[in-house]
Structure formats: C-alpha cells, structure tokens
PDB file of all heavy atoms in Angstrom:
ATOM      1  N   GLY A   1      89.807  88.022  89.398  1.00  0.00           N
ATOM      2  CA  GLY A   1      90.390  87.458  90.603  1.00  0.00           C
ATOM      3  C   GLY A   1      91.060  88.565  91.338  1.00  0.00           C
ATOM      4  O   GLY A   1      91.314  89.646  90.788  1.00  0.00           O
ATOM      5  N   PRO A   2      91.420  88.351  92.653  1.00  0.00           N
ATOM      6  CA  PRO A   2      92.076  89.456  93.428  1.00  0.00           C
ATOM      7  C   PRO A   2      93.428  89.923  92.819  1.00  0.00           C
ATOM      8  O   PRO A   2      93.741  91.067  92.857  1.00  0.00           O
ATOM      9  CB  PRO A   2      92.192  88.893  94.808  1.00  0.00           C
ATOM     10  CG  PRO A   2      92.069  87.439  94.657  1.00  0.00           C
ATOM     11  CD  PRO A   2      91.142  87.173  93.470  1.00  0.00           C
ATOM     12  N   VAL A   3      94.196  88.964  92.311  1.00  0.00           N
ATOM     13  CA  VAL A   3      95.524  89.295  91.758  1.00  0.00           C
ATOM     14  C   VAL A   3      95.329  90.139  90.505  1.00  0.00           C
ATOM     15  O   VAL A   3      96.065  91.094  90.216  1.00  0.00           O
ATOM     16  CB  VAL A   3      96.381  88.080  91.523  1.00  0.00           C
ATOM     17  CG1 VAL A   3      97.652  88.393  90.864  1.00  0.00           C
ATOM     18  CG2 VAL A   3      96.631  87.332  92.898  1.00  0.00           C
ATOM     19  N   ASN A   4      94.393  89.684  89.634  1.00  0.00           N
ATOM     20  CA  ASN A   4      94.141  90.403  88.396  1.00  0.00           C
ATOM     21  C   ASN A   4      93.597  91.804  88.731  1.00  0.00           C
ATOM     22  O   ASN A   4      94.019  92.808  88.050  1.00  0.00           O
ATOM     23  CB  ASN A   4      93.130  89.689  87.550  1.00  0.00           C
ATOM     24  CG  ASN A   4      92.756  90.299  86.263  1.00  0.00           C
ATOM     25  OD1 ASN A   4      91.611  90.611  85.955  1.00  0.00           O
ATOM     26  ND2 ASN A   4      93.810  90.584  85.437  1.00  0.00           N
ATOM     27  N   ALA A   5      92.781  91.939  89.714  1.00  0.00           N
ATOM     28  CA  ALA A   5      92.258  93.253  90.144  1.00  0.00           C
ATOM     29  C   ALA A   5      93.432  94.147  90.586  1.00  0.00           C
ATOM     30  O   ALA A   5      93.519  95.330  90.327  1.00  0.00           O
ATOM     31  CB  ALA A   5      91.173  93.121  91.236  1.00  0.00           C
ATOM     32  N   LEU A   6      94.332  93.547  91.380  1.00  0.00           N
ATOM     33  CA  LEU A   6      95.520  94.289  91.958  1.00  0.00           C
ATOM     34  C   LEU A   6      96.424  94.764  90.780  1.00  0.00           C
ATOM     35  O   LEU A   6      96.880  95.902  90.777  1.00  0.00           O
ATOM     36  CB  LEU A   6      96.282  93.408  92.890  1.00  0.00           C
ATOM     37  CG  LEU A   6      97.362  94.050  93.721  1.00  0.00           C
ATOM     38  CD1 LEU A   6      96.773  94.997  94.656  1.00  0.00           C
ATOM     39  CD2 LEU A   6      98.133  92.901  94.561  1.00  0.00           C
ATOM     40  N   ASP A   7      96.590  93.896  89.823  1.00  0.00           N
ATOM     41  CA  ASP A   7      97.391  94.223  88.605  1.00  0.00           C
ATOM     42  C   ASP A   7      96.758  95.409  87.924  1.00  0.00           C
ATOM     43  O   ASP A   7      97.430  96.383  87.500  1.00  0.00           O
ATOM     44  CB  ASP A   7      97.461  92.961  87.740  1.00  0.00           C
ATOM     45  CG  ASP A   7      98.228  93.319  86.387  1.00  0.00           C
ATOM     46  OD1 ASP A   7      99.245  94.064  86.468  1.00  0.00           O
ATOM     47  OD2 ASP A   7      97.888  92.761  85.378  1.00  0.00           O
ATOM     48  N   ARG A   8      95.436  95.369  87.693  1.00  0.00           N
ATOM     49  CA  ARG A   8      94.769  96.446  86.993  1.00  0.00           C
ATOM     50  C   ARG A   8      94.837  97.749  87.815  1.00  0.00           C
ATOM     51  O   ARG A   8      94.932  98.839  87.186  1.00  0.00           O
ATOM     52  CB  ARG A   8      93.321  96.101  86.712  1.00  0.00           C
ATOM     53  CG  ARG A   8      93.220  94.964  85.656  1.00  0.00           C
ATOM     54  CD  ARG A   8      91.807  94.705  85.306  1.00  0.00           C
ATOM     55  NE  ARG A   8      91.699  93.677  84.235  1.00  0.00           N
ATOM     56  CZ  ARG A   8      90.592  93.271  83.700  1.00  0.00           C
ATOM     57  NH1 ARG A   8      89.363  93.746  84.054  1.00  0.00           N
ATOM     58  NH2 ARG A   8      90.603  92.372  82.699  1.00  0.00           N
ATOM     59  N   ALA A   9      94.690  97.719  89.116  1.00  0.00           N
ATOM     60  CA  ALA A   9      94.755  98.910  89.935  1.00  0.00           C
ATOM     61  C   ALA A   9      96.174  99.510  89.828  1.00  0.00           C
ATOM     62  O   ALA A   9      96.368 100.786  89.712  1.00  0.00           O
ATOM     63  CB  ALA A   9      94.441  98.612  91.367  1.00  0.00           C
ATOM     64  N   LEU A  10      97.226  98.682  89.838  1.00  0.00           N
ATOM     65  CA  LEU A  10      98.556  99.144  89.733  1.00  0.00           C
ATOM     66  C   LEU A  10      98.840  99.828  88.378  1.00  0.00           C
ATOM     67  O   LEU A  10      99.455 100.935  88.286  1.00  0.00           O
ATOM     68  CB  LEU A  10      99.563  97.997  89.984  1.00  0.00           C
ATOM     69  CG  LEU A  10     101.083  98.295  89.933  1.00  0.00           C
ATOM     70  CD1 LEU A  10     101.371  99.312  91.016  1.00  0.00           C
ATOM     71  CD2 LEU A  10     101.906  97.049  90.116  1.00  0.00           C
ATOM     72  N   ARG A  11      98.311  99.194  87.360  1.00  0.00           N
ATOM     73  CA  ARG A  11      98.463  99.851  86.047  1.00  0.00           C
ATOM     74  C   ARG A  11      97.681 101.206  85.906  1.00  0.00           C
ATOM     75  O   ARG A  11      98.250 102.140  85.378  1.00  0.00           O
ATOM     76  CB  ARG A  11      97.903  98.918  84.905  1.00  0.00           C
ATOM     77  CG  ARG A  11      98.750  97.704  84.636  1.00  0.00           C
ATOM     78  CD  ARG A  11      98.055  96.738  83.614  1.00  0.00           C
ATOM     79  NE  ARG A  11      98.823  95.587  83.229  1.00  0.00           N
ATOM     80  CZ  ARG A  11      99.688  95.655  82.202  1.00  0.00           C
ATOM     81  NH1 ARG A  11      99.847  96.740  81.407  1.00  0.00           N
ATOM     82  NH2 ARG A  11     100.463  94.587  81.866  1.00  0.00           N
ATOM     83  N   THR A  12      96.506 101.214  86.474  1.00  0.00           N
ATOM     84  CA  THR A  12      95.744 102.444  86.461  1.00  0.00           C
ATOM     85  C   THR A  12      96.485 103.544  87.168  1.00  0.00           C
ATOM     86  O   THR A  12      96.454 104.751  86.700  1.00  0.00           O
ATOM     87  CB  THR A  12      94.384 102.232  87.131  1.00  0.00           C
ATOM     88  OG1 THR A  12      93.636 101.229  86.379  1.00  0.00           O
ATOM     89  CG2 THR A  12      93.535 103.467  87.187  1.00  0.00           C
ATOM     90  N   ALA A  13      97.199 103.263  88.246  1.00  0.00           N
ATOM     91  CA  ALA A  13      97.911 104.245  89.043  1.00  0.00           C
ATOM     92  C   ALA A  13      99.127 104.729  88.306  1.00  0.00           C
ATOM     93  O   ALA A  13      99.410 105.955  88.330  1.00  0.00           O
ATOM     94  CB  ALA A  13      98.313 103.644  90.321  1.00  0.00           C
ATOM     95  N   LEU A  14      99.874 103.838  87.666  1.00  0.00           N
ATOM     96  CA  LEU A  14     101.174 104.202  87.116  1.00  0.00           C
ATOM     97  C   LEU A  14     101.196 104.541  85.634  1.00  0.00           C
ATOM     98  O   LEU A  14     102.129 105.270  85.196  1.00  0.00           O
ATOM     99  CB  LEU A  14     102.094 103.038  87.335  1.00  0.00           C
ATOM    100  CG  LEU A  14     102.468 102.673  88.822  1.00  0.00           C
ATOM    101  CD1 LEU A  14     103.384 101.507  88.877  1.00  0.00           C
ATOM    102  CD2 LEU A  14     103.073 103.892  89.481  1.00  0.00           C
ATOM    103  N   GLU A  15     100.302 104.131  84.808  1.00  0.00           N
ATOM    104  CA  GLU A  15     100.385 104.380  83.369  1.00  0.00           C
ATOM    105  C   GLU A  15     100.394 105.822  83.005  1.00  0.00           C
ATOM    106  O   GLU A  15     101.067 106.239  82.015  1.00  0.00           O
ATOM    107  CB  GLU A  15      99.339 103.574  82.629  1.00  0.00           C
ATOM    108  CG  GLU A  15      99.658 102.114  82.472  1.00  0.00           C
ATOM    109  CD  GLU A  15      98.688 101.378  81.492  1.00  0.00           C
ATOM    110  OE1 GLU A  15      97.867 102.046  80.834  1.00  0.00           O
ATOM    111  OE2 GLU A  15      98.748 100.157  81.439  1.00  0.00           O
ATOM    112  N   PRO A  16      99.710 106.721  83.701  1.00  0.00           N
ATOM    113  CA  PRO A  16      99.773 108.144  83.386  1.00  0.00           C
ATOM    114  C   PRO A  16     101.267 108.685  83.571  1.00  0.00           C
ATOM    115  O   PRO A  16     101.613 109.667  82.867  1.00  0.00           O
ATOM    116  CB  PRO A  16      98.808 108.820  84.387  1.00  0.00           C
ATOM    117  CG  PRO A  16      97.824 107.747  84.671  1.00  0.00           C
ATOM    118  CD  PRO A  16      98.618 106.521  84.754  1.00  0.00           C
ATOM    119  N   PHE A  17     101.956 108.082  84.513  1.00  0.00           N
ATOM    120  CA  PHE A  17     103.372 108.580  84.722  1.00  0.00           C
ATOM    121  C   PHE A  17     104.346 107.800  83.848  1.00  0.00           C
ATOM    122  O   PHE A  17     105.469 108.317  83.528  1.00  0.00           O
ATOM    123  CB  PHE A  17     103.670 108.422  86.263  1.00  0.00           C
ATOM    124  CG  PHE A  17     102.777 109.169  87.108  1.00  0.00           C
ATOM    125  CD1 PHE A  17     101.645 108.577  87.631  1.00  0.00           C
ATOM    126  CD2 PHE A  17     103.123 110.442  87.494  1.00  0.00           C
ATOM    127  CE1 PHE A  17     100.839 109.343  88.537  1.00  0.00           C
ATOM    128  CE2 PHE A  17     102.274 111.185  88.372  1.00  0.00           C
ATOM    129  CZ  PHE A  17     101.117 110.546  88.836  1.00  0.00           C
ATOM    130  N   TYR A  18     103.989 106.512  83.615  1.00  0.00           N
ATOM    131  CA  TYR A  18     104.890 105.646  82.860  1.00  0.00           C
ATOM    132  C   TYR A  18     104.152 104.867  81.773  1.00  0.00           C
ATOM    133  O   TYR A  18     103.677 103.729  81.950  1.00  0.00           O
ATOM    134  CB  TYR A  18     105.601 104.615  83.808  1.00  0.00           C
ATOM    135  CG  TYR A  18     106.393 105.197  84.957  1.00  0.00           C
ATOM    136  CD1 TYR A  18     105.870 105.148  86.254  1.00  0.00           C
ATOM    137  CD2 TYR A  18     107.512 105.889  84.766  1.00  0.00           C
ATOM    138  CE1 TYR A  18     106.569 105.659  87.333  1.00  0.00           C
ATOM    139  CE2 TYR A  18     108.200 106.481  85.795  1.00  0.00           C
ATOM    140  CZ  TYR A  18     107.715 106.332  87.068  1.00  0.00           C
ATOM    141  OH  TYR A  18     108.406 106.856  88.116  1.00  0.00           O
ATOM    142  N   PRO A  19     103.856 105.580  80.655  1.00  0.00           N
ATOM    143  CA  PRO A  19     103.056 105.007  79.616  1.00  0.00           C
ATOM    144  C   PRO A  19     103.662 103.720  79.006  1.00  0.00           C
ATOM    145  O   PRO A  19     102.930 102.997  78.396  1.00  0.00           O
ATOM    146  CB  PRO A  19     102.922 106.115  78.536  1.00  0.00           C
ATOM    147  CG  PRO A  19     104.081 107.060  78.880  1.00  0.00           C
ATOM    148  CD  PRO A  19     104.285 106.988  80.427  1.00  0.00           C
ATOM    149  N   GLN A  20     104.972 103.501  79.189  1.00  0.00           N
ATOM    150  CA  GLN A  20     105.617 102.292  78.770  1.00  0.00           C
ATOM    151  C   GLN A  20     104.968 101.030  79.298  1.00  0.00           C
ATOM    152  O   GLN A  20     105.097  99.942  78.715  1.00  0.00           O
ATOM    153  CB  GLN A  20     107.088 102.314  79.052  1.00  0.00           C
ATOM    154  CG  GLN A  20     107.858 103.414  78.443  1.00  0.00           C
ATOM    155  CD  GLN A  20     107.955 104.712  79.264  1.00  0.00           C
ATOM    156  OE1 GLN A  20     107.119 104.942  80.135  1.00  0.00           O
ATOM    157  NE2 GLN A  20     108.766 105.622  78.887  1.00  0.00           N
ATOM    158  N   LEU A  21     104.348 101.133  80.464  1.00  0.00           N
ATOM    159  CA  LEU A  21     103.628  99.949  81.101  1.00  0.00           C
ATOM    160  C   LEU A  21     102.589  99.379  80.222  1.00  0.00           C
ATOM    161  O   LEU A  21     102.222  98.179  80.348  1.00  0.00           O
ATOM    162  CB  LEU A  21     103.147 100.347  82.453  1.00  0.00           C
ATOM    163  CG  LEU A  21     104.146 100.669  83.533  1.00  0.00           C
ATOM    164  CD1 LEU A  21     103.473 101.073  84.811  1.00  0.00           C
ATOM    165  CD2 LEU A  21     105.012  99.420  83.846  1.00  0.00           C
ATOM    166  N   ALA A  22     102.012 100.231  79.286  1.00  0.00           N
ATOM    167  CA  ALA A  22     100.960  99.731  78.453  1.00  0.00           C
ATOM    168  C   ALA A  22     101.463  98.618  77.560  1.00  0.00           C
ATOM    169  O   ALA A  22     100.652  97.768  77.060  1.00  0.00           O
ATOM    170  CB  ALA A  22     100.357 100.844  77.590  1.00  0.00           C
ATOM    171  N   ASP A  23     102.737  98.548  77.305  1.00  0.00           N
ATOM    172  CA  ASP A  23     103.342  97.562  76.406  1.00  0.00           C
ATOM    173  C   ASP A  23     103.585  96.195  77.106  1.00  0.00           C
ATOM    174  O   ASP A  23     103.842  95.197  76.484  1.00  0.00           O
ATOM    175  CB  ASP A  23     104.632  97.953  75.770  1.00  0.00           C
ATOM    176  CG  ASP A  23     104.451  99.220  74.907  1.00  0.00           C
ATOM    177  OD1 ASP A  23     103.392  99.315  74.260  1.00  0.00           O
ATOM    178  OD2 ASP A  23     105.369 100.002  74.822  1.00  0.00           O
ATOM    179  N   LEU A  24     103.460  96.165  78.423  1.00  0.00           N
ATOM    180  CA  LEU A  24     103.796  94.993  79.165  1.00  0.00           C
ATOM    181  C   LEU A  24     102.537  94.069  79.348  1.00  0.00           C
ATOM    182  O   LEU A  24     101.401  94.586  79.464  1.00  0.00           O
ATOM    183  CB  LEU A  24     104.332  95.334  80.603  1.00  0.00           C
ATOM    184  CG  LEU A  24     105.519  96.323  80.647  1.00  0.00           C
ATOM    185  CD1 LEU A  24     106.084  96.333  82.046  1.00  0.00           C
ATOM    186  CD2 LEU A  24     106.556  95.824  79.643  1.00  0.00           C
ATOM    187  N   GLU A  25     102.791  92.799  79.329  1.00  0.00           N
ATOM    188  CA  GLU A  25     101.651  91.832  79.373  1.00  0.00           C
ATOM    189  C   GLU A  25     102.118  90.714  80.309  1.00  0.00           C
ATOM    190  O   GLU A  25     103.220  90.136  80.215  1.00  0.00           O
ATOM    191  CB  GLU A  25     101.380  91.313  77.937  1.00  0.00           C
ATOM    192  CG  GLU A  25     100.272  90.257  77.974  1.00  0.00           C
ATOM    193  CD  GLU A  25     100.047  89.731  76.615  1.00  0.00           C
ATOM    194  OE1 GLU A  25     100.846  90.013  75.695  1.00  0.00           O
ATOM    195  OE2 GLU A  25      99.064  88.921  76.410  1.00  0.00           O
ATOM    196  N   LEU A  26     101.167  90.271  81.181  1.00  0.00           N
ATOM    197  CA  LEU A  26     101.446  89.125  82.028  1.00  0.00           C
ATOM    198  C   LEU A  26     101.286  87.863  81.112  1.00  0.00           C
ATOM    199  O   LEU A  26     100.253  87.565  80.545  1.00  0.00           O
ATOM    200  CB  LEU A  26     100.401  89.025  83.096  1.00  0.00           C
ATOM    201  CG  LEU A  26     100.522  87.853  84.130  1.00  0.00           C
ATOM    202  CD1 LEU A  26     101.796  87.997  84.949  1.00  0.00           C
ATOM    203  CD2 LEU A  26      99.322  87.855  85.044  1.00  0.00           C
ATOM    204  N   VAL A  27     102.366  87.094  81.073  1.00  0.00           N
ATOM    205  CA  VAL A  27     102.503  85.932  80.232  1.00  0.00           C
ATOM    206  C   VAL A  27     102.206  84.636  80.959  1.00  0.00           C
ATOM    207  O   VAL A  27     101.492  83.752  80.461  1.00  0.00           O
ATOM    208  CB  VAL A  27     103.879  85.840  79.514  1.00  0.00           C
ATOM    209  CG1 VAL A  27     104.004  84.633  78.646  1.00  0.00           C
ATOM    210  CG2 VAL A  27     104.190  87.083  78.700  1.00  0.00           C
ATOM    211  N   ASP A  28     102.722  84.561  82.149  1.00  0.00           N
ATOM    212  CA  ASP A  28     102.432  83.317  82.915  1.00  0.00           C
ATOM    213  C   ASP A  28     102.449  83.621  84.362  1.00  0.00           C
ATOM    214  O   ASP A  28     103.074  84.567  84.869  1.00  0.00           O
ATOM    215  CB  ASP A  28     103.582  82.268  82.592  1.00  0.00           C
ATOM    216  CG  ASP A  28     103.182  80.855  83.041  1.00  0.00           C
ATOM    217  OD1 ASP A  28     101.977  80.651  83.398  1.00  0.00           O
ATOM    218  OD2 ASP A  28     104.065  79.971  83.133  1.00  0.00           O
ATOM    219  N   TYR A  29     101.701  82.799  85.164  1.00  0.00           N
ATOM    220  CA  TYR A  29     101.549  83.072  86.611  1.00  0.00           C
ATOM    221  C   TYR A  29     101.486  81.707  87.271  1.00  0.00           C
ATOM    222  O   TYR A  29     100.672  80.909  86.989  1.00  0.00           O
ATOM    223  CB  TYR A  29     100.310  83.845  86.864  1.00  0.00           C
ATOM    224  CG  TYR A  29      99.931  84.093  88.338  1.00  0.00           C
ATOM    225  CD1 TYR A  29     100.468  85.152  89.070  1.00  0.00           C
ATOM    226  CD2 TYR A  29      99.014  83.188  88.999  1.00  0.00           C
ATOM    227  CE1 TYR A  29     100.138  85.413  90.339  1.00  0.00           C
ATOM    228  CE2 TYR A  29      98.773  83.430  90.317  1.00  0.00           C
ATOM    229  CZ  TYR A  29      99.256  84.542  91.018  1.00  0.00           C
ATOM    230  OH  TYR A  29      98.908  84.795  92.326  1.00  0.00           O
ATOM    231  N   LYS A  30     102.482  81.442  88.154  1.00  0.00           N
ATOM    232  CA  LYS A  30     102.596  80.189  88.854  1.00  0.00           C
ATOM    233  C   LYS A  30     102.577  80.340  90.362  1.00  0.00           C
ATOM    234  O   LYS A  30     103.286  81.260  90.900  1.00  0.00           O
ATOM    235  CB  LYS A  30     103.756  79.368  88.433  1.00  0.00           C
ATOM    236  CG  LYS A  30     103.813  79.087  86.976  1.00  0.00           C
ATOM    237  CD  LYS A  30     105.140  78.407  86.606  1.00  0.00           C
ATOM    238  CE  LYS A  30     105.237  78.067  85.079  1.00  0.00           C
ATOM    239  NZ  LYS A  30     106.508  77.561  84.703  1.00  0.00           N
ATOM    240  N   VAL A  31     101.831  79.498  91.045  1.00  0.00           N
ATOM    241  CA  VAL A  31     101.773  79.570  92.526  1.00  0.00           C
ATOM    242  C   VAL A  31     102.247  78.215  93.085  1.00  0.00           C
ATOM    243  O   VAL A  31     101.762  77.180  92.567  1.00  0.00           O
ATOM    244  CB  VAL A  31     100.339  79.920  93.049  1.00  0.00           C
ATOM    245  CG1 VAL A  31     100.306  79.854  94.562  1.00  0.00           C
ATOM    246  CG2 VAL A  31      99.844  81.177  92.468  1.00  0.00           C
ATOM    247  N   ARG A  32     103.025  78.180  94.106  1.00  0.00           N
ATOM    248  CA  ARG A  32     103.467  77.018  94.727  1.00  0.00           C
ATOM    249  C   ARG A  32     103.454  77.123  96.233  1.00  0.00           C
ATOM    250  O   ARG A  32     103.984  78.097  96.781  1.00  0.00           O
ATOM    251  CB  ARG A  32     104.847  76.552  94.281  1.00  0.00           C
ATOM    252  CG  ARG A  32     105.306  75.238  94.913  1.00  0.00           C
ATOM    253  CD  ARG A  32     106.654  74.778  94.337  1.00  0.00           C
ATOM    254  NE  ARG A  32     107.061  73.626  94.984  1.00  0.00           N
ATOM    255  CZ  ARG A  32     108.252  73.010  94.750  1.00  0.00           C
ATOM    256  NH1 ARG A  32     109.021  73.461  93.763  1.00  0.00           N
ATOM    257  NH2 ARG A  32     108.555  71.863  95.415  1.00  0.00           N
ATOM    258  N   ILE A  33     102.806  76.157  96.960  1.00  0.00           N
ATOM    259  CA  ILE A  33     102.905  76.043  98.363  1.00  0.00           C
ATOM    260  C   ILE A  33     104.249  75.406  98.674  1.00  0.00           C
ATOM    261  O   ILE A  33     104.596  74.326  98.190  1.00  0.00           O
ATOM    262  CB  ILE A  33     101.757  75.244  98.997  1.00  0.00           C
ATOM    263  CG1 ILE A  33     100.393  75.806  98.502  1.00  0.00           C
ATOM    264  CG2 ILE A  33     101.849  75.153 100.460  1.00  0.00           C
ATOM    265  CD1 ILE A  33     100.189  77.227  98.861  1.00  0.00           C
ATOM    266  N   LEU A  34     105.048  76.092  99.486  1.00  0.00           N
ATOM    267  CA  LEU A  34     106.447  75.665  99.680  1.00  0.00           C
ATOM    268  C   LEU A  34     106.529  74.364 100.501  1.00  0.00           C
ATOM    269  O   LEU A  34     105.761  74.151 101.498  1.00  0.00           O
ATOM    270  CB  LEU A  34     107.233  76.769 100.385  1.00  0.00           C
ATOM    271  CG  LEU A  34     107.364  78.053  99.464  1.00  0.00           C
ATOM    272  CD1 LEU A  34     108.217  79.074 100.201  1.00  0.00           C
ATOM    273  CD2 LEU A  34     107.934  77.729  98.119  1.00  0.00           C
ATOM    274  N   GLU A  35     107.469  73.545 100.157  1.00  0.00           N
ATOM    275  CA  GLU A  35     107.657  72.219 100.811  1.00  0.00           C
ATOM    276  C   GLU A  35     107.967  72.471 102.379  1.00  0.00           C
ATOM    277  O   GLU A  35     108.623  73.452 102.741  1.00  0.00           O
ATOM    278  CB  GLU A  35     108.888  71.539 100.237  1.00  0.00           C
ATOM    279  CG  GLU A  35     108.522  70.291  99.472  1.00  0.00           C
ATOM    280  CD  GLU A  35     109.690  69.668  98.831  1.00  0.00           C
ATOM    281  OE1 GLU A  35     110.562  69.112  99.495  1.00  0.00           O
ATOM    282  OE2 GLU A  35     109.797  69.751  97.550  1.00  0.00           O
ATOM    283  N   GLY A  36     107.368  71.553 103.115  1.00  0.00           N
ATOM    284  CA  GLY A  36     107.652  71.659 104.515  1.00  0.00           C
ATOM    285  C   GLY A  36     106.625  72.525 105.274  1.00  0.00           C
ATOM    286  O   GLY A  36     106.680  72.582 106.468  1.00  0.00           O
ATOM    287  N   GLN A  37     105.746  73.210 104.529  1.00  0.00           N
ATOM    288  CA  GLN A  37     104.703  73.995 105.129  1.00  0.00           C
ATOM    289  C   GLN A  37     103.394  73.320 105.003  1.00  0.00           C
ATOM    290  O   GLN A  37     103.105  72.569 104.020  1.00  0.00           O
ATOM    291  CB  GLN A  37     104.647  75.389 104.492  1.00  0.00           C
ATOM    292  CG  GLN A  37     105.990  76.120 104.479  1.00  0.00           C
ATOM    293  CD  GLN A  37     106.372  76.583 105.877  1.00  0.00           C
ATOM    294  OE1 GLN A  37     105.563  76.802 106.676  1.00  0.00           O
ATOM    295  NE2 GLN A  37     107.723  76.671 106.136  1.00  0.00           N
ATOM    296  N   HIS A  38     102.453  73.573 105.884  1.00  0.00           N
ATOM    297  CA  HIS A  38     101.207  72.820 105.853  1.00  0.00           C
ATOM    298  C   HIS A  38     100.060  73.793 106.159  1.00  0.00           C
ATOM    299  O   HIS A  38     100.205  74.762 106.949  1.00  0.00           O
ATOM    300  CB  HIS A  38     101.132  71.709 106.879  1.00  0.00           C
ATOM    301  CG  HIS A  38     102.229  70.708 106.627  1.00  0.00           C
ATOM    302  ND1 HIS A  38     102.248  69.759 105.635  1.00  0.00           N
ATOM    303  CD2 HIS A  38     103.462  70.558 107.260  1.00  0.00           C
ATOM    304  CE1 HIS A  38     103.304  69.063 105.651  1.00  0.00           C
ATOM    305  NE2 HIS A  38     104.083  69.501 106.609  1.00  0.00           N
TER     306      HIS A  38
END
C-alpha cells in the first residue's frame, strides 16, 4: 500500500546512517476520519 511503500522508502534512506532503525517494527496502525468532517 502507499503507506507501507513510504515506510520502506524512509527506512532505505535512513538505515545506512542510523542502523538502529532496523530494530524498529510497526506494531499497529489506526486511521480515523475526524468527527464533524464529511
């Protein structure tokens, strides 16, 4: 999906400079349309 692709692009860019990012994992992802908006 586009968000997963964005996440992978960000990791590809930064892991050579910050290898600690390899230990991080996305655990949960929640989206909500805010009340009062249509």
